[in-house]
Amino acid sequence: MEWEVVIGLEIHAQLATKTKIFSGAPTTYGAEPNTQACAVDLGLPGVLPVLNIEAVKMAVKFGLAIDAELSNPSIFARKNYFYPDLPKGYQISQLDLPIVGKGELAIELEDGSEKIIGVTRAHLEEDAGKSMHGNFQGQTGVDLNRAGTPLLEIVSEPDLSSAKEAVAYMKKIHSLVQYLEICDGNMQEGSFRCDSNVSVRPKGQKELGTRAEIKNINSFRNVERAINIEIERQIELIEDGGRVVQETRLYDADKNETRSMRSKEEANDYRYFPDPDLLPVVLEPELIEEMRASLPELPNAKRDRFVADMSLSLYDASVLTSSRELANYFEAVLEASDNKEPKQCANWIITQLLGALNKAGLDIANSPISAQQLGGLLLRITDNTISGKIAKQIFEALWDKEGVDADSIIEAKGLKQVTDSGAIEAMIDEVIANNPGQLEQYRGGKEQLFGFFVGQVMKASKGKANPAQVNEILKAKLAG
């Protein structure tokens, strides 16, 4: 039997506010346990929540960026459940009237086409604390530093058809919230994580299969692995005569398996009701327009500009705009290199720099080579001070912090390219004189020996001769 896969993602983006969503406690990551939770976060008697307007503004920015409906008013509700890291016994969230309603987002598929993914809603809520299982012998500790941290939960329509599509969508949301500067996207710190709802059905069937939810996956790689292993599990279960149970499952990355945590709750299990301590949120037109005016150039618009104005390929432009930091780095390199060779800048960043960063396990924000340093290096290729081959040596020296800029390395190591045609001609004459046999074969029709002569000239010049001049003069000399 052929199967269809149906996937929906619930992405939790921690909003980049300085304080929590309903209190003035800080949101700094890495503080000592239970040092950033105030009386409001702890749910002590008599305290009242006060909504953080910055969290509202960030949610509105996201809604405008995906061309979504904005609920006006939106309502906060109490989601009731008991867990040790939830001190109030309920979580303040949104249900019937979330601040952001239906929107959509385009993702790029592997074949280069685009697919529109619907966004059902994005609602504001507070995070819970964290249970600490590893630090206490036979006991569990609770750290409430995260309690009350503002989250924007972004819920997709079940429009995703494979694990790769799910990853593409998650990366698109990850890029977007960073462009908007509403979330730092740090997955290691839990600032960006997702739950995945997965189901399968026989191909052609309209009715959805029973879904399982995989909780708190915090890397793109694990999202793909978790979804694929869950798809396999469900298909094998059904084909063996069993049935999929609606439940919440945990992904174990070490064992590459999902395992059952609990039966899946429905909204009525949480006994949602409007929070009596929080008024409905009414968005004034002035606030919406203020947020609209603050929107940056979004990833797709920037990508299209790179293609139209700089003649970059769609692939190169998509890579360079995949994160705000990378796009800013590219534009800074372009400026430092005199804005003459966008394609050259793109090639060096995508191939040379990103390759080195990936090998070193670094991201663009921690690049050992600044945009100004790389731009200065590329400028020296453009003005024929150095060749591309020598530029790679200088790149390595910059990476190893051997010089403050390309010019100082060129000067210190004597790497300036030889462009004197008389000097190049003298080297070529010497190479031809020293290789009479190869000269005779070349003139006898063995034209592939041209590369041999080029190599000998470059060797004689220690790689410094201008390759274009070498080719031009050598062709004339070999032709006799």
Protein backbone atom coordinates (compact mmCIF):
# COMPACT_ATOMS: atom_id res chain seq x y z
CA MET A 1 0.00 0.00 0.00
CA GLU A 2 1.16 3.52 -0.76
CA TRP A 3 0.98 6.00 2.09
CA GLU A 4 0.62 9.76 2.38
CA VAL A 5 2.18 11.67 5.24
CA VAL A 6 0.49 14.62 6.93
CA ILE A 7 2.52 16.86 9.24
CA GLY A 8 1.82 20.00 11.21
CA LEU A 9 4.32 21.86 13.39
CA GLU A 10 3.85 23.86 16.58
CA ILE A 11 6.90 26.10 16.91
CA HIS A 12 7.71 27.84 20.19
CA ALA A 13 9.76 31.02 19.72
CA GLN A 14 10.98 32.72 22.89
CA LEU A 15 10.42 36.44 22.44
CA ALA A 16 13.46 38.67 22.89
CA THR A 17 12.05 40.85 25.66
CA LYS A 18 14.22 41.89 28.59
CA THR A 19 11.56 40.93 31.11
CA LYS A 20 8.87 38.28 31.37
CA ILE A 21 5.45 38.44 29.79
CA PHE A 22 3.50 39.18 32.99
CA SER A 23 6.18 40.37 35.44
CA GLY A 24 9.31 42.50 35.66
CA ALA A 25 11.63 39.53 36.30
CA PRO A 26 14.57 39.26 33.87
CA THR A 27 14.83 36.65 31.10
CA THR A 28 18.65 36.33 30.99
CA TYR A 29 19.79 32.83 30.04
CA GLY A 30 22.15 30.83 32.25
CA ALA A 31 21.47 32.43 35.64
CA GLU A 32 21.66 30.37 38.82
CA PRO A 33 18.47 28.30 39.34
CA ASN A 34 15.52 30.15 40.85
CA THR A 35 17.20 33.56 40.82
CA GLN A 36 14.99 35.07 38.09
CA ALA A 37 11.53 34.19 39.34
CA CYS A 38 9.54 36.81 41.22
CA ALA A 39 6.32 36.54 43.23
CA VAL A 40 4.20 36.77 40.06
CA ASP A 41 6.12 33.93 38.35
CA LEU A 42 5.83 31.81 41.50
CA GLY A 43 2.06 32.32 41.64
CA LEU A 44 2.08 33.56 45.24
CA PRO A 45 -1.28 34.64 46.71
CA GLY A 46 -2.40 38.20 45.98
CA VAL A 47 -0.18 38.90 42.97
CA LEU A 48 -1.56 40.05 39.61
CA PRO A 49 -0.10 39.70 36.12
CA VAL A 50 0.65 42.83 34.05
CA LEU A 51 1.04 42.30 30.29
CA ASN A 52 4.40 43.22 28.71
CA ILE A 53 3.60 45.51 25.76
CA GLU A 54 6.86 44.57 24.02
CA ALA A 55 5.67 40.96 23.70
CA VAL A 56 2.46 42.22 22.07
CA LYS A 57 4.43 44.36 19.61
CA MET A 58 6.65 41.42 18.64
CA ALA A 59 3.62 39.19 18.02
CA VAL A 60 2.06 41.90 15.83
CA LYS A 61 5.30 42.21 13.81
CA PHE A 62 5.23 38.47 13.15
CA GLY A 63 1.58 38.59 12.10
CA LEU A 64 2.23 41.45 9.65
CA ALA A 65 5.27 39.63 8.21
CA ILE A 66 3.19 36.57 7.25
CA ASP A 67 0.25 38.70 6.06
CA ALA A 68 -1.95 37.24 8.79
CA GLU A 69 -5.21 38.38 10.32
CA LEU A 70 -4.80 40.13 13.68
CA SER A 71 -7.43 39.41 16.31
CA ASN A 72 -8.83 42.58 17.77
CA PRO A 73 -9.43 42.04 20.60
CA SER A 74 -7.42 38.98 21.60
CA ILE A 75 -8.07 37.13 24.85
CA PHE A 76 -5.79 35.48 27.40
CA ALA A 77 -7.00 32.22 28.93
CA ARG A 78 -5.95 29.88 31.71
CA LYS A 79 -4.81 26.44 30.58
CA ASN A 80 -5.23 24.25 33.65
CA TYR A 81 -2.96 21.29 34.37
CA PHE A 82 -0.73 20.13 37.19
CA TYR A 83 3.00 19.69 36.83
CA PRO A 84 5.78 20.45 39.35
CA ASP A 85 7.35 23.18 37.16
CA LEU A 86 4.01 25.03 36.78
CA PRO A 87 3.70 26.82 40.14
CA LYS A 88 0.27 28.44 39.57
CA GLY A 89 -1.36 25.17 38.50
CA TYR A 90 -2.27 26.79 35.19
CA GLN A 91 -0.49 28.39 32.24
CA ILE A 92 -1.62 31.74 30.84
CA SER A 93 -2.08 31.21 27.10
CA GLN A 94 -4.59 32.03 24.34
CA LEU A 95 -7.23 29.77 22.79
CA ASP A 96 -10.30 31.16 21.03
CA LEU A 97 -8.97 34.59 20.07
CA PRO A 98 -5.20 34.41 19.56
CA ILE A 99 -3.39 37.63 18.73
CA VAL A 100 -2.34 36.34 15.27
CA GLY A 101 -4.86 34.49 13.11
CA LYS A 102 -4.54 32.80 9.72
CA GLY A 103 -1.51 33.61 7.55
CA GLU A 104 0.82 31.82 5.18
CA LEU A 105 4.47 31.25 4.36
CA ALA A 106 6.20 30.06 1.17
CA ILE A 107 8.93 27.43 1.46
CA GLU A 108 11.41 26.30 -1.21
CA LEU A 109 11.38 22.60 -2.10
CA GLU A 110 14.39 20.56 -3.20
CA ASP A 111 13.39 20.77 -6.88
CA GLY A 112 13.46 24.58 -6.71
CA SER A 113 9.68 25.03 -6.64
CA GLU A 114 7.75 26.83 -3.89
CA LYS A 115 4.97 25.52 -1.68
CA ILE A 116 2.60 27.66 0.38
CA ILE A 117 2.18 26.49 3.98
CA GLY A 118 -0.75 27.83 5.95
CA VAL A 119 -0.25 29.23 9.43
CA THR A 120 -3.33 28.50 11.54
CA ARG A 121 -2.48 30.89 14.37
CA ALA A 122 0.26 32.33 16.53
CA HIS A 123 -0.57 32.98 20.15
CA LEU A 124 1.18 34.49 23.15
CA GLU A 125 1.77 32.43 26.26
CA GLU A 126 4.08 32.07 29.23
CA ASP A 127 6.69 29.33 29.48
CA ALA A 128 6.79 26.87 32.36
CA GLY A 129 9.78 26.16 34.57
CA LYS A 130 12.16 23.26 34.09
CA SER A 131 12.43 19.95 35.94
CA MET A 132 16.04 19.00 36.72
CA HIS A 133 16.49 15.23 36.81
CA GLY A 134 20.27 14.77 36.80
CA ASN A 135 21.53 16.74 39.78
CA PHE A 136 19.78 15.09 42.68
CA GLN A 137 20.14 11.51 43.92
CA GLY A 138 16.70 9.89 43.66
CA GLN A 139 14.99 13.30 43.45
CA THR A 140 13.97 15.90 40.89
CA GLY A 141 14.72 19.60 41.29
CA VAL A 142 12.70 22.44 39.80
CA ASP A 143 14.22 25.59 38.28
CA LEU A 144 11.60 28.31 37.83
CA ASN A 145 13.83 30.82 36.00
CA ARG A 146 11.97 30.15 32.73
CA ALA A 147 8.53 30.41 34.33
CA GLY A 148 6.76 33.37 32.76
CA THR A 149 9.19 33.77 29.86
CA PRO A 150 7.20 35.06 26.83
CA LEU A 151 6.61 32.61 24.00
CA LEU A 152 4.98 32.95 20.62
CA GLU A 153 3.56 29.57 19.64
CA ILE A 154 3.25 29.36 15.84
CA VAL A 155 0.88 26.62 14.67
CA SER A 156 0.93 25.47 11.04
CA GLU A 157 -1.86 23.92 9.03
CA PRO A 158 -1.32 20.19 8.33
CA ASP A 159 0.14 21.14 4.92
CA LEU A 160 3.56 19.46 5.21
CA SER A 161 4.03 16.17 3.39
CA SER A 162 7.52 15.01 4.38
CA ALA A 163 10.20 15.46 7.01
CA LYS A 164 12.25 17.55 4.57
CA GLU A 165 9.32 19.92 4.01
CA ALA A 166 8.90 20.22 7.79
CA VAL A 167 12.56 21.15 8.18
CA ALA A 168 12.32 23.68 5.31
CA TYR A 169 9.29 25.30 6.99
CA MET A 170 10.95 25.34 10.41
CA LYS A 171 14.10 26.93 8.93
CA LYS A 172 11.93 29.56 7.21
CA ILE A 173 10.23 30.48 10.50
CA HIS A 174 13.63 30.44 12.25
CA SER A 175 15.04 32.87 9.68
CA LEU A 176 11.95 35.10 9.80
CA VAL A 177 11.88 35.59 13.59
CA GLN A 178 15.57 36.50 13.50
CA TYR A 179 15.05 39.00 10.65
CA LEU A 180 12.25 40.55 12.71
CA GLU A 181 14.55 40.57 15.78
CA ILE A 182 11.80 39.08 17.93
CA CYS A 183 13.68 35.87 18.81
CA ASP A 184 17.39 35.02 18.87
CA GLY A 185 16.65 31.54 17.46
CA ASN A 186 19.15 29.84 19.80
CA MET A 187 18.06 26.21 19.73
CA GLN A 188 20.74 25.02 22.17
CA GLU A 189 19.33 27.36 24.81
CA GLY A 190 15.72 26.38 24.07
CA SER A 191 14.77 29.73 22.53
CA PHE A 192 13.43 28.00 19.43
CA ARG A 193 11.91 24.52 19.57
CA CYS A 194 8.98 22.64 18.09
CA ASP A 195 6.38 19.92 18.56
CA SER A 196 5.51 17.87 15.50
CA ASN A 197 2.12 16.30 14.77
CA VAL A 198 2.52 13.31 12.43
CA SER A 199 -0.06 11.04 10.82
CA VAL A 200 -0.26 8.72 7.80
CA ARG A 201 -3.14 7.69 5.56
CA PRO A 202 -3.57 5.50 2.46
CA LYS A 203 -2.79 7.46 -0.69
CA GLY A 204 -5.92 9.17 -2.03
CA GLN A 205 -7.84 9.01 1.25
CA LYS A 206 -9.29 12.38 2.30
CA GLU A 207 -9.81 11.60 5.97
CA LEU A 208 -6.79 12.29 8.14
CA GLY A 209 -5.14 9.46 10.04
CA THR A 210 -4.73 9.43 13.82
CA ARG A 211 -1.87 11.73 14.77
CA ALA A 212 0.88 11.42 17.31
CA GLU A 213 2.59 14.50 18.71
CA ILE A 214 6.36 14.49 19.20
CA LYS A 215 7.32 17.00 21.90
CA ASN A 216 10.15 19.54 22.29
CA ILE A 217 12.51 18.80 19.38
CA ASN A 218 15.33 21.34 19.43
CA SER A 219 17.39 20.89 16.25
CA PHE A 220 16.66 20.74 12.53
CA ARG A 221 18.45 17.40 12.25
CA ASN A 222 16.40 15.87 15.04
CA VAL A 223 13.15 17.19 13.57
CA GLU A 224 13.88 15.30 10.36
CA ARG A 225 15.02 12.14 12.17
CA ALA A 226 12.11 12.16 14.62
CA ILE A 227 9.46 12.61 11.93
CA ASN A 228 10.95 9.92 9.67
CA ILE A 229 11.19 7.37 12.48
CA GLU A 230 7.63 8.16 13.56
CA ILE A 231 6.36 7.73 9.98
CA GLU A 232 8.05 4.31 9.83
CA ARG A 233 6.56 3.33 13.20
CA GLN A 234 3.01 4.25 12.22
CA ILE A 235 3.14 2.52 8.82
CA GLU A 236 4.62 -0.67 10.30
CA LEU A 237 2.01 -0.62 13.09
CA ILE A 238 -0.93 -0.30 10.68
CA GLU A 239 0.45 -2.86 8.19
CA ASP A 240 0.89 -5.33 11.04
CA GLY A 241 -2.79 -5.03 11.91
CA GLY A 242 -2.49 -2.53 14.75
CA ARG A 243 -3.78 1.02 15.02
CA VAL A 244 -2.18 4.34 15.83
CA VAL A 245 -3.21 5.81 19.19
CA GLN A 246 -3.50 9.57 19.62
CA GLU A 247 -0.76 10.33 22.12
CA THR A 248 2.20 12.52 22.98
CA ARG A 249 5.58 10.94 22.31
CA LEU A 250 9.17 11.82 23.18
CA TYR A 251 12.03 11.56 20.69
CA ASP A 252 15.20 9.90 22.00
CA ALA A 253 18.04 11.15 19.78
CA ASP A 254 20.57 8.64 21.19
CA LYS A 255 18.40 5.63 20.31
CA ASN A 256 16.72 7.32 17.29
CA GLU A 257 13.27 6.30 18.44
CA THR A 258 10.05 7.84 19.69
CA ARG A 259 8.39 6.51 22.82
CA SER A 260 5.05 7.15 24.47
CA MET A 261 4.81 9.84 27.18
CA ARG A 262 1.07 10.19 27.74
CA SER A 263 -2.26 10.09 25.97
CA LYS A 264 -2.89 13.21 23.89
CA GLU A 265 -5.05 15.78 25.62
CA GLU A 266 -7.74 17.79 23.88
CA ALA A 267 -8.55 21.45 24.62
CA ASN A 268 -11.43 20.50 26.95
CA ASP A 269 -9.04 18.42 29.09
CA TYR A 270 -7.32 21.66 30.07
CA ARG A 271 -10.56 23.39 31.13
CA TYR A 272 -9.63 26.64 29.34
CA PHE A 273 -11.44 29.77 30.50
CA PRO A 274 -10.68 33.50 30.07
CA ASP A 275 -8.17 34.75 32.63
CA PRO A 276 -10.13 37.05 34.98
CA ASP A 277 -6.97 39.02 35.87
CA LEU A 278 -6.19 40.11 32.29
CA LEU A 279 -8.30 42.42 30.14
CA PRO A 280 -8.83 41.74 26.41
CA VAL A 281 -5.97 43.11 24.30
CA VAL A 282 -7.17 45.82 21.90
CA LEU A 283 -4.69 46.80 19.17
CA GLU A 284 -4.87 50.49 18.36
CA PRO A 285 -4.44 51.31 14.64
CA GLU A 286 -1.46 53.53 15.54
CA LEU A 287 0.37 50.58 17.14
CA ILE A 288 -0.25 48.33 14.13
CA GLU A 289 1.07 51.00 11.75
CA GLU A 290 4.07 51.60 13.99
CA MET A 291 4.92 47.88 13.80
CA ARG A 292 4.33 47.82 10.03
CA ALA A 293 6.75 50.73 9.59
CA SER A 294 9.36 48.93 11.70
CA LEU A 295 9.39 45.78 9.52
CA PRO A 296 12.81 45.15 7.94
CA GLU A 297 13.36 43.94 4.39
CA LEU A 298 12.10 40.36 4.73
CA PRO A 299 14.03 37.28 3.51
CA ASN A 300 12.10 36.70 0.27
CA ALA A 301 12.22 40.39 -0.70
CA LYS A 302 15.96 40.51 0.00
CA ARG A 303 16.51 37.30 -1.99
CA ASP A 304 14.59 38.67 -4.97
CA ARG A 305 16.59 41.92 -4.82
CA PHE A 306 19.88 40.01 -4.82
CA VAL A 307 18.73 38.13 -7.93
CA ALA A 308 17.37 41.17 -9.77
CA ASP A 309 19.98 43.79 -8.87
CA MET A 310 23.11 41.67 -8.57
CA SER A 311 22.43 38.89 -11.11
CA LEU A 312 22.97 36.21 -8.47
CA SER A 313 21.47 32.77 -9.01
CA LEU A 314 18.33 31.93 -7.05
CA TYR A 315 20.35 29.31 -5.13
CA ASP A 316 23.10 31.74 -4.13
CA ALA A 317 20.61 34.42 -3.14
CA SER A 318 18.60 31.91 -1.08
CA VAL A 319 21.71 30.77 0.81
CA LEU A 320 22.86 34.33 1.49
CA THR A 321 19.46 35.41 2.82
CA SER A 322 18.90 32.28 4.92
CA SER A 323 19.81 34.32 8.00
CA ARG A 324 19.88 38.04 8.71
CA GLU A 325 23.49 37.86 9.93
CA LEU A 326 24.65 36.16 6.72
CA ALA A 327 22.81 38.62 4.48
CA ASN A 328 24.28 41.55 6.40
CA TYR A 329 27.76 39.97 6.16
CA PHE A 330 27.41 39.60 2.37
CA GLU A 331 26.35 43.22 1.91
CA ALA A 332 29.23 44.41 4.12
CA VAL A 333 31.72 42.33 2.07
CA LEU A 334 30.25 43.78 -1.12
CA GLU A 335 30.73 47.32 0.19
CA ALA A 336 34.29 46.63 1.40
CA SER A 337 35.22 45.14 -1.98
CA ASP A 338 33.95 48.23 -3.85
CA ASN A 339 30.61 46.71 -4.97
CA LYS A 340 32.02 45.52 -8.30
CA GLU A 341 31.79 41.73 -8.17
CA PRO A 342 28.65 40.45 -6.36
CA LYS A 343 29.06 36.97 -7.85
CA GLN A 344 32.68 36.77 -6.69
CA CYS A 345 31.66 37.85 -3.17
CA ALA A 346 28.85 35.29 -3.11
CA ASN A 347 31.16 32.48 -4.29
CA TRP A 348 33.81 33.23 -1.66
CA ILE A 349 31.27 33.43 1.17
CA ILE A 350 29.30 30.31 0.19
CA THR A 351 32.21 28.09 -0.81
CA GLN A 352 35.26 29.28 1.11
CA LEU A 353 33.91 30.96 4.24
CA LEU A 354 30.84 28.82 4.99
CA GLY A 355 32.88 25.70 4.26
CA ALA A 356 35.51 26.75 6.81
CA LEU A 357 32.87 27.77 9.36
CA ASN A 358 31.04 24.46 8.98
CA LYS A 359 34.27 22.51 9.42
CA ALA A 360 35.10 24.50 12.56
CA GLY A 361 31.56 24.23 13.95
CA LEU A 362 31.09 28.02 13.94
CA ASP A 363 28.29 30.28 12.72
CA ILE A 364 28.63 33.51 10.77
CA ALA A 365 28.33 35.62 13.92
CA ASN A 366 31.56 34.03 15.22
CA SER A 367 33.53 34.14 11.96
CA PRO A 368 37.28 34.66 12.56
CA ILE A 369 37.33 36.70 9.33
CA SER A 370 35.32 39.91 9.39
CA ALA A 371 33.34 41.19 6.41
CA GLN A 372 35.82 44.06 6.08
CA GLN A 373 38.79 41.66 5.99
CA LEU A 374 37.18 39.44 3.35
CA GLY A 375 36.08 42.45 1.30
CA GLY A 376 39.64 43.82 1.39
CA LEU A 377 40.97 40.46 0.18
CA LEU A 378 38.51 40.30 -2.74
CA LEU A 379 39.36 43.88 -3.70
CA ARG A 380 42.97 42.76 -4.26
CA ILE A 381 41.80 39.99 -6.60
CA THR A 382 39.69 42.47 -8.58
CA ASP A 383 42.54 44.98 -9.02
CA ASN A 384 44.98 42.17 -10.00
CA THR A 385 47.25 42.65 -6.99
CA ILE A 386 46.93 38.90 -6.28
CA SER A 387 45.57 35.84 -8.04
CA GLY A 388 42.71 33.69 -6.81
CA LYS A 389 45.17 30.97 -5.81
CA ILE A 390 47.24 33.35 -3.68
CA ALA A 391 44.00 34.73 -2.22
CA LYS A 392 43.29 31.30 -0.71
CA GLN A 393 46.67 31.43 1.09
CA ILE A 394 45.80 34.88 2.45
CA PHE A 395 42.34 33.64 3.50
CA GLU A 396 44.01 30.92 5.59
CA ALA A 397 46.37 33.48 7.14
CA LEU A 398 43.44 35.75 8.02
CA TRP A 399 41.59 32.77 9.52
CA ASP A 400 44.65 31.98 11.66
CA LYS A 401 44.90 35.67 12.65
CA GLU A 402 48.32 36.10 11.04
CA GLY A 403 47.51 39.63 9.87
CA VAL A 404 45.05 42.42 10.46
CA ASP A 405 44.15 42.66 6.79
CA ALA A 406 45.00 41.25 3.36
CA ASP A 407 47.32 44.12 2.44
CA SER A 408 49.59 43.56 5.46
CA ILE A 409 49.85 39.82 4.65
CA ILE A 410 50.59 40.52 0.97
CA GLU A 411 53.33 42.94 2.00
CA ALA A 412 54.81 40.76 4.76
CA LYS A 413 54.94 37.60 2.64
CA GLY A 414 55.77 39.23 -0.70
CA LEU A 415 52.70 37.82 -2.41
CA LYS A 416 52.01 40.65 -4.86
CA GLN A 417 51.11 39.32 -8.29
CA VAL A 418 53.58 39.73 -11.16
CA THR A 419 51.85 41.75 -13.89
CA ASP A 420 54.94 43.01 -15.70
CA SER A 421 54.53 41.49 -19.19
CA GLY A 422 58.29 41.63 -19.80
CA ALA A 423 59.01 39.59 -16.65
CA ILE A 424 56.29 37.07 -17.53
CA GLU A 425 57.59 36.75 -21.10
CA ALA A 426 61.12 36.07 -19.79
CA MET A 427 59.80 33.27 -17.55
CA ILE A 428 57.84 31.75 -20.44
CA ASP A 429 60.89 31.84 -22.73
CA GLU A 430 62.91 29.99 -20.08
CA VAL A 431 60.21 27.33 -19.55
CA ILE A 432 59.91 26.72 -23.34
CA ALA A 433 63.69 26.49 -23.70
CA ASN A 434 63.89 23.92 -20.88
CA ASN A 435 61.15 21.68 -22.36
CA PRO A 436 61.92 21.16 -26.08
CA GLY A 437 60.30 17.71 -26.16
CA GLN A 438 56.98 18.95 -24.84
CA LEU A 439 57.16 21.92 -27.23
CA GLU A 440 57.57 19.59 -30.19
CA GLN A 441 54.62 17.42 -29.04
CA TYR A 442 52.42 20.47 -28.51
CA ARG A 443 53.15 21.81 -31.96
CA GLY A 444 52.54 18.33 -33.31
CA GLY A 445 48.93 18.49 -32.12
CA LYS A 446 49.06 17.45 -28.45
CA GLU A 447 47.29 20.61 -27.27
CA GLN A 448 46.55 19.25 -23.78
CA LEU A 449 50.21 20.00 -22.98
CA PHE A 450 49.23 23.68 -22.75
CA GLY A 451 48.28 23.03 -19.10
CA PHE A 452 51.75 21.60 -18.48
CA PHE A 453 53.39 24.81 -19.73
CA VAL A 454 51.04 26.98 -17.64
CA GLY A 455 51.91 24.94 -14.57
CA GLN A 456 55.66 25.31 -15.22
CA VAL A 457 55.37 29.08 -15.63
CA MET A 458 53.30 29.43 -12.44
CA LYS A 459 55.84 27.27 -10.64
CA ALA A 460 58.69 29.46 -11.87
CA SER A 461 56.83 32.56 -10.65
CA LYS A 462 55.99 30.89 -7.31
CA GLY A 463 52.32 31.34 -8.17
CA LYS A 464 52.61 35.11 -8.52
CA ALA A 465 52.30 35.54 -12.30
CA ASN A 466 48.97 36.90 -13.50
CA PRO A 467 47.20 33.82 -14.95
CA ALA A 468 45.38 35.76 -17.70
CA GLN A 469 48.62 37.31 -18.93
CA VAL A 470 50.41 33.94 -18.74
CA ASN A 471 47.72 32.33 -20.91
CA GLU A 472 47.76 35.10 -23.49
CA ILE A 473 51.57 35.36 -23.88
CA LEU A 474 52.10 31.58 -23.69
CA LYS A 475 49.60 30.87 -26.48
CA ALA A 476 51.40 33.30 -28.75
CA LYS A 477 54.84 31.87 -27.89
CA LEU A 478 53.81 28.23 -28.33
CA ALA A 479 52.24 29.04 -31.69
CA GLY A 480 55.68 30.15 -32.81
